[in-house]
C-alpha atoms as a PDB file:
ATOM      1  CA  MET A   1      12.516  18.854   0.956  1.00  0.00           C
ATOM      2  CA  ILE A   2       9.572  20.068  -1.107  1.00  0.00           C
ATOM      3  CA  ALA A   3       7.378  17.219   0.171  1.00  0.00           C
ATOM      4  CA  LEU A   4       8.264  18.000   3.811  1.00  0.00           C
ATOM      5  CA  THR A   5       7.510  21.684   3.280  1.00  0.00           C
ATOM      6  CA  LEU A   6       4.177  20.792   1.675  1.00  0.00           C
ATOM      7  CA  ILE A   7       3.279  18.463   4.570  1.00  0.00           C
ATOM      8  CA  ALA A   8       4.187  21.196   7.093  1.00  0.00           C
ATOM      9  CA  VAL A   9       2.074  23.838   5.312  1.00  0.00           C
ATOM     10  CA  LEU A  10      -0.895  21.498   4.906  1.00  0.00           C
ATOM     11  CA  ASP A  11      -0.531  20.485   8.546  1.00  0.00           C
ATOM     12  CA  ILE A  12      -1.039  24.107   9.589  1.00  0.00           C
ATOM     13  CA  PHE A  13      -4.380  24.162   7.753  1.00  0.00           C
ATOM     14  CA  LEU A  14      -5.342  20.771   9.197  1.00  0.00           C
ATOM     15  CA  PHE A  15      -4.613  22.058  12.700  1.00  0.00           C
ATOM     16  CA  LEU A  16      -6.629  25.237  12.103  1.00  0.00           C
ATOM     17  CA  LEU A  17      -9.604  23.304  10.695  1.00  0.00           C
ATOM     18  CA  VAL A  18      -9.870  20.328  13.060  1.00  0.00           C
ATOM     19  CA  GLY A  19      -7.440  20.945  15.925  1.00  0.00           C
ATOM     20  CA  ALA A  20      -4.736  18.657  17.213  1.00  0.00           C
ATOM     21  CA  TRP A  21      -4.838  14.938  16.577  1.00  0.00           C
ATOM     22  CA  THR A  22      -5.354  12.986  19.730  1.00  0.00           C
ATOM     23  CA  VAL A  23      -5.221   9.440  20.996  1.00  0.00           C
ATOM     24  CA  GLY A  24      -8.528   8.395  19.501  1.00  0.00           C
ATOM     25  CA  GLY A  25      -7.790   7.682  15.910  1.00  0.00           C
ATOM     26  CA  GLY A  26      -9.791   6.248  13.080  1.00  0.00           C
ATOM     27  CA  GLU A  27      -8.800   2.723  14.052  1.00  0.00           C
ATOM     28  CA  THR A  28     -10.245   3.242  17.530  1.00  0.00           C
ATOM     29  CA  MET A  29     -13.505   4.493  16.049  1.00  0.00           C
ATOM     30  CA  ILE A  30     -13.659   1.576  13.593  1.00  0.00           C
ATOM     31  CA  THR A  31     -13.171  -0.786  16.536  1.00  0.00           C
ATOM     32  CA  GLY A  32     -16.017   0.952  18.361  1.00  0.00           C
ATOM     33  CA  LEU A  33     -18.320   0.682  15.370  1.00  0.00           C
ATOM     34  CA  VAL A  34     -17.549  -3.034  14.940  1.00  0.00           C
ATOM     35  CA  ALA A  35     -18.111  -3.593  18.678  1.00  0.00           C
ATOM     36  CA  GLN A  36     -21.366  -1.634  18.480  1.00  0.00           C
ATOM     37  CA  PHE A  37     -22.501  -3.827  15.573  1.00  0.00           C
ATOM     38  CA  PHE A  38     -21.959  -7.000  17.592  1.00  0.00           C
ATOM     39  CA  MET A  39     -22.858  -5.711  21.079  1.00  0.00           C
ATOM     40  CA  GLY A  40     -25.595  -3.208  20.281  1.00  0.00           C
ATOM     41  CA  ASP A  41     -26.695  -1.071  23.227  1.00  0.00           C
ATOM     42  CA  GLU A  42     -24.574  -3.147  25.632  1.00  0.00           C
ATOM     43  CA  LEU A  43     -21.508  -1.269  24.378  1.00  0.00           C
ATOM     44  CA  SER A  44     -22.693   1.906  26.120  1.00  0.00           C
ATOM     45  CA  ARG A  45     -22.202   0.144  29.477  1.00  0.00           C
ATOM     46  CA  ILE A  46     -18.436   0.327  28.939  1.00  0.00           C
ATOM     47  CA  PRO A  47     -17.316   3.794  30.144  1.00  0.00           C
ATOM     48  CA  PHE A  48     -14.722   4.346  27.384  1.00  0.00           C
ATOM     49  CA  TRP A  49     -17.285   3.869  24.634  1.00  0.00           C
ATOM     50  CA  ASN A  50     -19.973   5.829  26.469  1.00  0.00           C
ATOM     51  CA  LEU A  51     -18.088   8.801  27.933  1.00  0.00           C
ATOM     52  CA  VAL A  52     -14.785   9.144  26.091  1.00  0.00           C
ATOM     53  CA  PHE A  53     -15.209   7.857  22.561  1.00  0.00           C
ATOM     54  CA  VAL A  54     -18.826   7.384  21.452  1.00  0.00           C
ATOM     55  CA  PRO A  55     -18.871   5.435  18.133  1.00  0.00           C
ATOM     56  CA  ASP A  56     -19.767   7.688  15.205  1.00  0.00           C
ATOM     57  CA  ALA A  57     -19.587   6.625  11.535  1.00  0.00           C
ATOM     58  CA  GLY A  58     -19.115  10.261  10.508  1.00  0.00           C
ATOM     59  CA  TYR A  59     -15.829  10.636  12.389  1.00  0.00           C
ATOM     60  CA  TRP A  60     -13.345  12.039   9.854  1.00  0.00           C
ATOM     61  CA  LYS A  61     -10.296  10.055  11.012  1.00  0.00           C
ATOM     62  CA  ILE A  62     -11.958   6.794   9.955  1.00  0.00           C
ATOM     63  CA  TYR A  63     -11.647   7.841   6.337  1.00  0.00           C
ATOM     64  CA  ILE A  64      -8.000   8.874   6.707  1.00  0.00           C
ATOM     65  CA  SER A  65      -7.222   5.445   8.191  1.00  0.00           C
ATOM     66  CA  LEU A  66      -9.162   3.595   5.495  1.00  0.00           C
ATOM     67  CA  GLY A  67      -7.503   5.745   2.818  1.00  0.00           C
ATOM     68  CA  MET A  68      -4.036   4.886   4.130  1.00  0.00           C
ATOM     69  CA  LEU A  69      -4.912   1.190   4.213  1.00  0.00           C
ATOM     70  CA  PHE A  70      -6.365   1.303   0.696  1.00  0.00           C
ATOM     71  CA  GLY A  71      -3.359   3.251  -0.616  1.00  0.00           C
ATOM     72  CA  ALA A  72      -0.918   0.790   0.953  1.00  0.00           C
ATOM     73  CA  ILE A  73      -2.750  -2.189  -0.573  1.00  0.00           C
ATOM     74  CA  VAL A  74      -2.955  -0.578  -4.021  1.00  0.00           C
ATOM     75  CA  SER A  75       0.743   0.347  -3.906  1.00  0.00           C
ATOM     76  CA  ALA A  76       1.747  -3.170  -2.845  1.00  0.00           C
ATOM     77  CA  VAL A  77      -0.403  -4.786  -5.545  1.00  0.00           C
ATOM     78  CA  LEU A  78       0.844  -2.459  -8.292  1.00  0.00           C
ATOM     79  CA  SER A  79       4.486  -3.073  -7.322  1.00  0.00           C
ATOM     80  CA  LYS A  80       3.817  -6.835  -7.161  1.00  0.00           C
ATOM     81  CA  GLU A  81       4.844  -6.861  -3.487  1.00  0.00           C
ATOM     82  CA  PHE A  82       1.494  -7.914  -2.024  1.00  0.00           C
ATOM     83  CA  PHE A  83       1.711 -11.239  -0.214  1.00  0.00           C
ATOM     84  CA  LEU A  84      -0.292 -12.665   2.657  1.00  0.00           C
ATOM     85  CA  ARG A  85       2.219 -13.881   5.208  1.00  0.00           C
ATOM     86  CA  PHE A  86       1.396 -15.690   8.412  1.00  0.00           C
ATOM     87  CA  PRO A  87       3.754 -16.647  11.238  1.00  0.00           C
ATOM     88  CA  ARG A  88       4.512 -20.362  11.210  1.00  0.00           C
ATOM     89  CA  ARG A  89       5.370 -20.887  14.871  1.00  0.00           C
ATOM     90  CA  LEU A  90       3.600 -20.045  18.104  1.00  0.00           C
ATOM     91  CA  GLY A  91       6.684 -18.131  19.278  1.00  0.00           C
ATOM     92  CA  GLU A  92       6.333 -15.741  16.347  1.00  0.00           C
ATOM     93  CA  TRP A  93       2.678 -15.101  17.192  1.00  0.00           C
ATOM     94  CA  VAL A  94       3.642 -14.407  20.810  1.00  0.00           C
ATOM     95  CA  MET A  95       6.409 -11.957  19.830  1.00  0.00           C
ATOM     96  CA  ILE A  96       4.175 -10.138  17.356  1.00  0.00           C
ATOM     97  CA  THR A  97       1.389  -9.866  19.938  1.00  0.00           C
ATOM     98  CA  ILE A  98       3.709  -8.610  22.685  1.00  0.00           C
ATOM     99  CA  GLY A  99       5.321  -6.107  20.298  1.00  0.00           C
ATOM    100  CA  GLY A 100       1.944  -4.767  19.194  1.00  0.00           C
ATOM    101  CA  LEU A 101       0.715  -4.458  22.772  1.00  0.00           C
ATOM    102  CA  LEU A 102       3.904  -2.640  23.840  1.00  0.00           C
ATOM    103  CA  MET A 103       3.637  -0.217  20.927  1.00  0.00           C
ATOM    104  CA  GLY A 104      -0.044   0.420  21.606  1.00  0.00           C
ATOM    105  CA  PHE A 105       0.595   0.911  25.318  1.00  0.00           C
ATOM    106  CA  GLY A 106       3.495   3.285  24.641  1.00  0.00           C
ATOM    107  CA  ILE A 107       1.594   5.401  22.150  1.00  0.00           C
ATOM    108  CA  ARG A 108      -1.353   5.657  24.574  1.00  0.00           C
ATOM    109  CA  LEU A 109       1.026   6.813  27.309  1.00  0.00           C
ATOM    110  CA  ALA A 110       2.336   9.465  24.930  1.00  0.00           C
ATOM    111  CA  PHE A 111      -1.313  10.464  24.269  1.00  0.00           C
ATOM    112  CA  VAL A 112      -0.834  10.676  20.523  1.00  0.00           C
ATOM    113  CA  CYS A 113      -1.490   8.553  17.479  1.00  0.00           C
ATOM    114  CA  ASN A 114       1.309   6.815  15.552  1.00  0.00           C
ATOM    115  CA  VAL A 115       0.305   8.513  12.319  1.00  0.00           C
ATOM    116  CA  SER A 116      -0.180  11.953  13.872  1.00  0.00           C
ATOM    117  CA  THR A 117       3.279  11.685  15.410  1.00  0.00           C
ATOM    118  CA  PHE A 118       4.792  11.604  11.930  1.00  0.00           C
ATOM    119  CA  PHE A 119       2.404  13.902  10.088  1.00  0.00           C
ATOM    120  CA  GLY A 120       1.236  16.140  12.923  1.00  0.00           C
ATOM    121  CA  LEU A 121       3.808  16.656  15.649  1.00  0.00           C
ATOM    122  CA  THR A 122       6.999  16.395  13.601  1.00  0.00           C
ATOM    123  CA  PRO A 123       6.156  19.073  10.976  1.00  0.00           C
ATOM    124  CA  GLN A 124       5.146  21.320  13.883  1.00  0.00           C
ATOM    125  CA  MET A 125       8.712  20.903  15.228  1.00  0.00           C
ATOM    126  CA  ASN A 126       7.253  19.450  18.421  1.00  0.00           C
ATOM    127  CA  LEU A 127       9.899  17.847  20.647  1.00  0.00           C
ATOM    128  CA  GLY A 128       7.385  15.188  21.723  1.00  0.00           C
ATOM    129  CA  GLY A 129       7.024  14.108  18.096  1.00  0.00           C
ATOM    130  CA  TYR A 130      10.763  13.650  17.727  1.00  0.00           C
ATOM    131  CA  LEU A 131      10.964  11.777  21.030  1.00  0.00           C
ATOM    132  CA  ALA A 132       8.096   9.502  19.983  1.00  0.00           C
ATOM    133  CA  ILE A 133       9.706   8.801  16.602  1.00  0.00           C
ATOM    134  CA  SER A 134      13.019   8.064  18.342  1.00  0.00           C
ATOM    135  CA  GLY A 135      11.247   5.615  20.648  1.00  0.00           C
ATOM    136  CA  ILE A 136       9.411   3.964  17.761  1.00  0.00           C
ATOM    137  CA  LEU A 137      12.643   3.543  15.778  1.00  0.00           C
ATOM    138  CA  ALA A 138      14.573   2.257  18.806  1.00  0.00           C
ATOM    139  CA  GLY A 139      11.754  -0.146  19.652  1.00  0.00           C
ATOM    140  CA  ALA A 140      11.585  -1.390  16.066  1.00  0.00           C
ATOM    141  CA  TRP A 141      15.348  -1.976  16.046  1.00  0.00           C
ATOM    142  CA  VAL A 142      15.377  -3.818  19.395  1.00  0.00           C
ATOM    143  CA  GLY A 143      12.269  -5.803  18.465  1.00  0.00           C
ATOM    144  CA  SER A 144      13.760  -6.811  15.107  1.00  0.00           C
ATOM    145  CA  TRP A 145      17.009  -7.815  16.797  1.00  0.00           C
ATOM    146  CA  ILE A 146      15.166  -9.981  19.349  1.00  0.00           C
ATOM    147  CA  TYR A 147      12.917 -11.462  16.641  1.00  0.00           C
ATOM    148  CA  LYS A 148      15.945 -12.358  14.496  1.00  0.00           C
ATOM    149  CA  LYS A 149      17.824 -13.900  17.460  1.00  0.00           C
ATOM    150  CA  VAL A 150      14.856 -16.035  18.448  1.00  0.00           C
ATOM    151  CA  LEU A 151      14.254 -17.226  14.880  1.00  0.00           C
ATOM    152  CA  GLU A 152      17.925 -18.071  14.308  1.00  0.00           C
ATOM    153  CA  GLY A 153      18.490 -19.658  17.730  1.00  0.00           C
END
């Protein structure tokens, strides 16, 4: 309860300092920077990267995303739970790809970020946050059920 209260209070300050979190997260900006590295000025011909989300290495959400990734890796290594696992069959790759695309498509339709749904909308008691979390949990359950059925059958 204390942790949730702390997240809610800190979220108020985050909202006051930088505004609401939107669809374009740190991962999107990292993708843009990688694409800019390989494509150079040609990237600006794509409207999304020119008009909506111009790549900028100073974008603050990049560092939140990298921090979460780093923290997850350090936690997994320290708990001796870090393993590189790769799907063995083509069917697994297909299911993982379809699941990722569906989740990405759904979160774009909701016009939020997966992380901001948990740490932004939910502490603000936003109904959309609770609906998004319900959809994510239901989708994870159905996806796991399908994945298990396909692997067993």
